[in-house]
Amino acid sequence: MITLLHGEDELTSRRELEKIIAEFPGQVIRFDKNFDKTEFYQAASGGIFSDKTLIIIENYLSGKKKLDIDLANISGDLVFFENKEVSKTLTSGFRVLEFKLPTLIWKFTDSLKPISGKYLVGLYREVLKQTDPEFIFAMLIRQFRLMLDPTGLPAWQAGKIKTQAKVFGEKHLMEIYRKLLEIDFEQKNGLTPFTLSSKIEMLILWI
């Protein structure tokens, strides 16, 4: 069976991938987008591996207009993992699982501004019904990082981010970003009695 996991919600799709790996009873072989095709065909044919083989290829299909590998004689299971949406023309015959970002997350990140904590906490709790605090926290870090440095964004998005950044000012943005990194460190090292969700609410009220 060939499965495609794709979409912008990489946190959720990554969890689905790890679940597939954990539940697979045989050998798991992983390739990145620059994999050696000879090694892939050997693994895919079962020639040197057992029949119970799960092959995972990450970020190989994104940007392609057609497949350039032969999938006709796959032995075992194959999973394509993509952190972007993939064209449907490439996925005929695949089992496709698409992971979209919850729409409210954009409203939440776009609404970030000082002295709006009560409104933001309410909005945060609504977003929390659609996803988990780890994902929201990652999006918070992303948004403030972009406000500090919008380099590489499309012009329309960069203009929007710069307008939002001006409301905070560079000094306060740096303070918030350092606070986000501090929360991340504390959570990863078990240095706080508070849940991540509680820390996010505290941060929102503080900014």
C-alpha atoms as a PDB file:
ATOM      1  CA  MET A   1       0.000   0.000   0.000  1.00  0.00           C
ATOM      2  CA  ILE A   2       1.196   3.503  -0.838  1.00  0.00           C
ATOM      3  CA  THR A   3       0.199   6.277   1.553  1.00  0.00           C
ATOM      4  CA  LEU A   4       0.694  10.022   1.293  1.00  0.00           C
ATOM      5  CA  LEU A   5       0.721  12.194   4.405  1.00  0.00           C
ATOM      6  CA  HIS A   6       0.752  15.845   3.396  1.00  0.00           C
ATOM      7  CA  GLY A   7      -0.385  19.341   4.315  1.00  0.00           C
ATOM      8  CA  GLU A   8       0.699  22.380   6.307  1.00  0.00           C
ATOM      9  CA  ASP A   9      -0.167  20.941   9.731  1.00  0.00           C
ATOM     10  CA  GLU A  10       3.169  19.169  10.050  1.00  0.00           C
ATOM     11  CA  LEU A  11       2.836  18.548  13.781  1.00  0.00           C
ATOM     12  CA  THR A  12      -0.304  16.439  13.357  1.00  0.00           C
ATOM     13  CA  SER A  13       0.930  14.691  10.213  1.00  0.00           C
ATOM     14  CA  ARG A  14       4.248  13.899  11.929  1.00  0.00           C
ATOM     15  CA  ARG A  15       2.347  12.297  14.788  1.00  0.00           C
ATOM     16  CA  GLU A  16       0.388  10.189  12.314  1.00  0.00           C
ATOM     17  CA  LEU A  17       3.664   9.097  10.724  1.00  0.00           C
ATOM     18  CA  GLU A  18       5.115   8.093  14.092  1.00  0.00           C
ATOM     19  CA  LYS A  19       1.920   6.160  14.840  1.00  0.00           C
ATOM     20  CA  ILE A  20       2.239   4.261  11.551  1.00  0.00           C
ATOM     21  CA  ILE A  21       5.868   3.438  12.371  1.00  0.00           C
ATOM     22  CA  ALA A  22       5.038   2.312  15.909  1.00  0.00           C
ATOM     23  CA  GLU A  23       2.271  -0.005  14.706  1.00  0.00           C
ATOM     24  CA  PHE A  24       4.228  -1.531  11.819  1.00  0.00           C
ATOM     25  CA  PRO A  25       5.399  -5.076  12.670  1.00  0.00           C
ATOM     26  CA  GLY A  26       8.422  -5.224  10.375  1.00  0.00           C
ATOM     27  CA  GLN A  27      11.482  -3.284   9.299  1.00  0.00           C
ATOM     28  CA  VAL A  28      11.309   0.485   8.707  1.00  0.00           C
ATOM     29  CA  ILE A  29      13.603   2.128   6.139  1.00  0.00           C
ATOM     30  CA  ARG A  30      13.712   5.921   5.816  1.00  0.00           C
ATOM     31  CA  PHE A  31      14.888   8.007   2.872  1.00  0.00           C
ATOM     32  CA  ASP A  32      15.186  11.764   2.479  1.00  0.00           C
ATOM     33  CA  LYS A  33      14.377  13.627  -0.746  1.00  0.00           C
ATOM     34  CA  ASN A  34      17.895  13.059  -2.132  1.00  0.00           C
ATOM     35  CA  PHE A  35      17.791   9.285  -1.752  1.00  0.00           C
ATOM     36  CA  ASP A  36      19.764   6.868  -3.905  1.00  0.00           C
ATOM     37  CA  LYS A  37      17.312   5.256  -6.334  1.00  0.00           C
ATOM     38  CA  THR A  38      19.224   1.982  -6.476  1.00  0.00           C
ATOM     39  CA  GLU A  39      18.919   1.601  -2.709  1.00  0.00           C
ATOM     40  CA  PHE A  40      15.233   2.512  -2.924  1.00  0.00           C
ATOM     41  CA  TYR A  41      14.483  -0.111  -5.590  1.00  0.00           C
ATOM     42  CA  GLN A  42      16.339  -2.761  -3.593  1.00  0.00           C
ATOM     43  CA  ALA A  43      14.278  -1.949  -0.511  1.00  0.00           C
ATOM     44  CA  ALA A  44      11.017  -1.618  -2.452  1.00  0.00           C
ATOM     45  CA  SER A  45      11.399  -4.957  -4.244  1.00  0.00           C
ATOM     46  CA  GLY A  46      12.097  -6.871  -1.056  1.00  0.00           C
ATOM     47  CA  GLY A  47      15.205  -8.232  -2.725  1.00  0.00           C
ATOM     48  CA  ILE A  48      17.498  -7.847   0.258  1.00  0.00           C
ATOM     49  CA  PHE A  49      14.963  -7.055   2.954  1.00  0.00           C
ATOM     50  CA  SER A  50      12.046  -8.953   4.455  1.00  0.00           C
ATOM     51  CA  ASP A  51       8.551  -8.694   2.954  1.00  0.00           C
ATOM     52  CA  LYS A  52       7.395  -6.786   6.019  1.00  0.00           C
ATOM     53  CA  THR A  53       9.104  -3.560   5.102  1.00  0.00           C
ATOM     54  CA  LEU A  54       7.844  -0.023   5.553  1.00  0.00           C
ATOM     55  CA  ILE A  55       9.621   2.550   3.395  1.00  0.00           C
ATOM     56  CA  ILE A  56       9.291   6.234   4.260  1.00  0.00           C
ATOM     57  CA  ILE A  57      10.346   9.010   1.890  1.00  0.00           C
ATOM     58  CA  GLU A  58      10.235  12.576   3.187  1.00  0.00           C
ATOM     59  CA  ASN A  59       9.606  15.733   1.155  1.00  0.00           C
ATOM     60  CA  TYR A  60      10.221  14.105  -2.217  1.00  0.00           C
ATOM     61  CA  LEU A  61       6.992  14.921  -4.065  1.00  0.00           C
ATOM     62  CA  SER A  62       6.670  18.637  -3.281  1.00  0.00           C
ATOM     63  CA  GLY A  63       7.164  20.745  -6.388  1.00  0.00           C
ATOM     64  CA  LYS A  64       7.146  17.783  -8.777  1.00  0.00           C
ATOM     65  CA  LYS A  65       4.804  17.648 -11.771  1.00  0.00           C
ATOM     66  CA  LYS A  66       5.217  13.914 -12.323  1.00  0.00           C
ATOM     67  CA  LEU A  67       6.708  10.908 -10.569  1.00  0.00           C
ATOM     68  CA  ASP A  68      10.216   9.960 -11.653  1.00  0.00           C
ATOM     69  CA  ILE A  69      10.386   6.641  -9.808  1.00  0.00           C
ATOM     70  CA  ASP A  70       8.661   3.374 -10.711  1.00  0.00           C
ATOM     71  CA  LEU A  71       6.163   2.282  -8.064  1.00  0.00           C
ATOM     72  CA  ALA A  72       4.715  -0.641 -10.022  1.00  0.00           C
ATOM     73  CA  ASN A  73       6.576  -3.398  -8.186  1.00  0.00           C
ATOM     74  CA  ILE A  74       6.500  -2.171  -4.604  1.00  0.00           C
ATOM     75  CA  SER A  75       6.767  -4.978  -2.064  1.00  0.00           C
ATOM     76  CA  GLY A  76       5.594  -3.935   1.384  1.00  0.00           C
ATOM     77  CA  ASP A  77       4.307  -0.504   2.362  1.00  0.00           C
ATOM     78  CA  LEU A  78       5.467   2.908   1.190  1.00  0.00           C
ATOM     79  CA  VAL A  79       4.724   6.240   2.881  1.00  0.00           C
ATOM     80  CA  PHE A  80       5.433   9.613   1.314  1.00  0.00           C
ATOM     81  CA  PHE A  81       5.632  12.315   3.982  1.00  0.00           C
ATOM     82  CA  GLU A  82       5.336  15.910   2.755  1.00  0.00           C
ATOM     83  CA  ASN A  83       5.107  19.084   4.849  1.00  0.00           C
ATOM     84  CA  LYS A  84       3.302  20.862   2.013  1.00  0.00           C
ATOM     85  CA  GLU A  85       0.235  20.111  -0.058  1.00  0.00           C
ATOM     86  CA  VAL A  86       0.975  17.810  -3.012  1.00  0.00           C
ATOM     87  CA  SER A  87      -0.660  17.944  -6.443  1.00  0.00           C
ATOM     88  CA  LYS A  88      -3.430  15.384  -6.937  1.00  0.00           C
ATOM     89  CA  THR A  89      -1.936  14.452 -10.317  1.00  0.00           C
ATOM     90  CA  LEU A  90       0.865  12.659  -8.454  1.00  0.00           C
ATOM     91  CA  THR A  91      -1.276  10.683  -6.058  1.00  0.00           C
ATOM     92  CA  SER A  92      -3.509   8.481  -8.204  1.00  0.00           C
ATOM     93  CA  GLY A  93      -3.971   5.164  -6.423  1.00  0.00           C
ATOM     94  CA  PHE A  94      -2.486   6.454  -3.161  1.00  0.00           C
ATOM     95  CA  ARG A  95      -4.200   6.442   0.201  1.00  0.00           C
ATOM     96  CA  VAL A  96      -4.107  10.191   0.876  1.00  0.00           C
ATOM     97  CA  LEU A  97      -4.266  11.793   4.324  1.00  0.00           C
ATOM     98  CA  GLU A  98      -4.225  15.596   4.189  1.00  0.00           C
ATOM     99  CA  PHE A  99      -3.538  17.658   7.301  1.00  0.00           C
ATOM    100  CA  LYS A 100      -4.763  21.237   7.065  1.00  0.00           C
ATOM    101  CA  LEU A 101      -4.051  23.996   9.532  1.00  0.00           C
ATOM    102  CA  PRO A 102      -7.073  25.020  11.604  1.00  0.00           C
ATOM    103  CA  THR A 103      -8.421  28.234  10.083  1.00  0.00           C
ATOM    104  CA  LEU A 104      -8.692  29.997  13.446  1.00  0.00           C
ATOM    105  CA  ILE A 105      -4.917  29.828  13.975  1.00  0.00           C
ATOM    106  CA  TRP A 106      -4.383  32.557  11.359  1.00  0.00           C
ATOM    107  CA  LYS A 107      -6.949  34.813  13.015  1.00  0.00           C
ATOM    108  CA  PHE A 108      -5.207  34.220  16.337  1.00  0.00           C
ATOM    109  CA  THR A 109      -1.674  35.000  15.118  1.00  0.00           C
ATOM    110  CA  ASP A 110      -2.859  38.005  13.092  1.00  0.00           C
ATOM    111  CA  SER A 111      -4.663  39.370  16.172  1.00  0.00           C
ATOM    112  CA  LEU A 112      -1.569  39.392  18.385  1.00  0.00           C
ATOM    113  CA  LYS A 113      -1.001  42.870  19.777  1.00  0.00           C
ATOM    114  CA  PRO A 114      -0.344  44.503  23.159  1.00  0.00           C
ATOM    115  CA  ILE A 115      -3.124  45.198  25.650  1.00  0.00           C
ATOM    116  CA  SER A 116      -5.580  42.761  24.078  1.00  0.00           C
ATOM    117  CA  GLY A 117      -4.957  39.847  26.421  1.00  0.00           C
ATOM    118  CA  LYS A 118      -8.554  39.098  27.417  1.00  0.00           C
ATOM    119  CA  TYR A 119      -9.691  38.891  23.796  1.00  0.00           C
ATOM    120  CA  LEU A 120      -6.645  36.826  22.796  1.00  0.00           C
ATOM    121  CA  VAL A 121      -7.125  34.346  25.645  1.00  0.00           C
ATOM    122  CA  GLY A 122     -10.702  33.775  24.495  1.00  0.00           C
ATOM    123  CA  LEU A 123      -9.533  33.308  20.913  1.00  0.00           C
ATOM    124  CA  TYR A 124      -6.722  31.011  22.071  1.00  0.00           C
ATOM    125  CA  ARG A 125      -9.232  28.774  23.851  1.00  0.00           C
ATOM    126  CA  GLU A 126     -11.271  28.547  20.664  1.00  0.00           C
ATOM    127  CA  VAL A 127      -8.182  27.532  18.675  1.00  0.00           C
ATOM    128  CA  LEU A 128      -7.410  24.979  21.381  1.00  0.00           C
ATOM    129  CA  LYS A 129     -10.625  23.163  20.446  1.00  0.00           C
ATOM    130  CA  GLN A 130      -9.149  22.523  16.984  1.00  0.00           C
ATOM    131  CA  THR A 131      -5.545  21.674  17.815  1.00  0.00           C
ATOM    132  CA  ASP A 132      -3.140  21.214  20.713  1.00  0.00           C
ATOM    133  CA  PRO A 133      -1.058  23.751  22.673  1.00  0.00           C
ATOM    134  CA  GLU A 134       2.234  22.465  21.228  1.00  0.00           C
ATOM    135  CA  PHE A 135       1.156  23.434  17.732  1.00  0.00           C
ATOM    136  CA  ILE A 136      -0.172  26.827  18.847  1.00  0.00           C
ATOM    137  CA  PHE A 137       3.079  27.496  20.708  1.00  0.00           C
ATOM    138  CA  ALA A 138       5.095  26.664  17.587  1.00  0.00           C
ATOM    139  CA  MET A 139       2.957  29.109  15.600  1.00  0.00           C
ATOM    140  CA  LEU A 140       3.509  31.807  18.241  1.00  0.00           C
ATOM    141  CA  ILE A 141       7.270  31.380  17.947  1.00  0.00           C
ATOM    142  CA  ARG A 142       6.991  31.513  14.164  1.00  0.00           C
ATOM    143  CA  GLN A 143       4.878  34.682  14.202  1.00  0.00           C
ATOM    144  CA  PHE A 144       7.181  36.621  16.519  1.00  0.00           C
ATOM    145  CA  ARG A 145      10.263  35.405  14.666  1.00  0.00           C
ATOM    146  CA  LEU A 146       8.750  36.722  11.431  1.00  0.00           C
ATOM    147  CA  MET A 147       7.922  40.037  13.092  1.00  0.00           C
ATOM    148  CA  LEU A 148      11.586  40.342  14.033  1.00  0.00           C
ATOM    149  CA  ASP A 149      12.808  39.281  10.597  1.00  0.00           C
ATOM    150  CA  PRO A 150      10.333  38.988   7.686  1.00  0.00           C
ATOM    151  CA  THR A 151      13.119  38.280   5.177  1.00  0.00           C
ATOM    152  CA  GLY A 152      12.031  35.890   2.447  1.00  0.00           C
ATOM    153  CA  LEU A 153       8.288  36.436   2.782  1.00  0.00           C
ATOM    154  CA  PRO A 154       6.167  37.460  -0.221  1.00  0.00           C
ATOM    155  CA  ALA A 155       5.736  41.245  -0.401  1.00  0.00           C
ATOM    156  CA  TRP A 156       2.084  41.219   0.690  1.00  0.00           C
ATOM    157  CA  GLN A 157       2.830  39.030   3.708  1.00  0.00           C
ATOM    158  CA  ALA A 158       5.967  40.966   4.661  1.00  0.00           C
ATOM    159  CA  GLY A 159       3.990  44.222   4.622  1.00  0.00           C
ATOM    160  CA  LYS A 160       1.334  42.724   6.873  1.00  0.00           C
ATOM    161  CA  ILE A 161       3.920  41.358   9.310  1.00  0.00           C
ATOM    162  CA  LYS A 162       5.819  44.672   9.434  1.00  0.00           C
ATOM    163  CA  THR A 163       2.608  46.539  10.275  1.00  0.00           C
ATOM    164  CA  GLN A 164       1.927  44.108  13.109  1.00  0.00           C
ATOM    165  CA  ALA A 165       5.525  44.403  14.346  1.00  0.00           C
ATOM    166  CA  LYS A 166       5.317  48.208  14.586  1.00  0.00           C
ATOM    167  CA  VAL A 167       2.540  47.892  17.169  1.00  0.00           C
ATOM    168  CA  PHE A 168       4.957  46.074  19.483  1.00  0.00           C
ATOM    169  CA  GLY A 169       8.224  47.849  18.783  1.00  0.00           C
ATOM    170  CA  GLU A 170      11.527  46.026  18.373  1.00  0.00           C
ATOM    171  CA  LYS A 171      12.482  46.072  22.061  1.00  0.00           C
ATOM    172  CA  HIS A 172       9.219  44.487  23.207  1.00  0.00           C
ATOM    173  CA  LEU A 173       9.347  41.954  20.372  1.00  0.00           C
ATOM    174  CA  MET A 174      12.776  40.844  21.564  1.00  0.00           C
ATOM    175  CA  GLU A 175      11.467  40.526  25.133  1.00  0.00           C
ATOM    176  CA  ILE A 176       8.541  38.396  23.967  1.00  0.00           C
ATOM    177  CA  TYR A 177      10.741  36.205  21.788  1.00  0.00           C
ATOM    178  CA  ARG A 178      13.167  35.608  24.663  1.00  0.00           C
ATOM    179  CA  LYS A 179      10.195  34.728  26.866  1.00  0.00           C
ATOM    180  CA  LEU A 180       8.994  32.208  24.289  1.00  0.00           C
ATOM    181  CA  LEU A 181      12.425  30.564  24.202  1.00  0.00           C
ATOM    182  CA  GLU A 182      12.466  30.512  28.000  1.00  0.00           C
ATOM    183  CA  ILE A 183       9.073  28.780  28.098  1.00  0.00           C
ATOM    184  CA  ASP A 184      10.270  26.272  25.508  1.00  0.00           C
ATOM    185  CA  PHE A 185      13.380  25.474  27.556  1.00  0.00           C
ATOM    186  CA  GLU A 186      11.397  25.093  30.786  1.00  0.00           C
ATOM    187  CA  GLN A 187       8.828  22.798  29.186  1.00  0.00           C
ATOM    188  CA  LYS A 188      11.421  20.563  27.548  1.00  0.00           C
ATOM    189  CA  ASN A 189      13.422  20.229  30.754  1.00  0.00           C
ATOM    190  CA  GLY A 190      10.566  19.938  33.247  1.00  0.00           C
ATOM    191  CA  LEU A 191      11.503  23.157  35.041  1.00  0.00           C
ATOM    192  CA  THR A 192       7.992  24.532  35.547  1.00  0.00           C
ATOM    193  CA  PRO A 193       4.926  23.264  37.436  1.00  0.00           C
ATOM    194  CA  PHE A 194       2.646  24.877  34.833  1.00  0.00           C
ATOM    195  CA  THR A 195       1.274  23.207  31.716  1.00  0.00           C
ATOM    196  CA  LEU A 196       2.234  24.622  28.341  1.00  0.00           C
ATOM    197  CA  SER A 197      -1.342  25.801  27.834  1.00  0.00           C
ATOM    198  CA  SER A 198      -1.228  27.754  31.111  1.00  0.00           C
ATOM    199  CA  LYS A 199       2.105  29.319  30.151  1.00  0.00           C
ATOM    200  CA  ILE A 200       0.671  30.395  26.795  1.00  0.00           C
ATOM    201  CA  GLU A 201      -2.240  32.120  28.515  1.00  0.00           C
ATOM    202  CA  MET A 202       0.150  33.867  30.914  1.00  0.00           C
ATOM    203  CA  LEU A 203       2.251  35.033  27.982  1.00  0.00           C
ATOM    204  CA  ILE A 204      -0.779  36.330  26.090  1.00  0.00           C
ATOM    205  CA  LEU A 205      -1.896  38.356  29.104  1.00  0.00           C
ATOM    206  CA  TRP A 206       1.648  39.670  29.610  1.00  0.00           C
ATOM    207  CA  ILE A 207       2.229  40.969  26.085  1.00  0.00           C
END
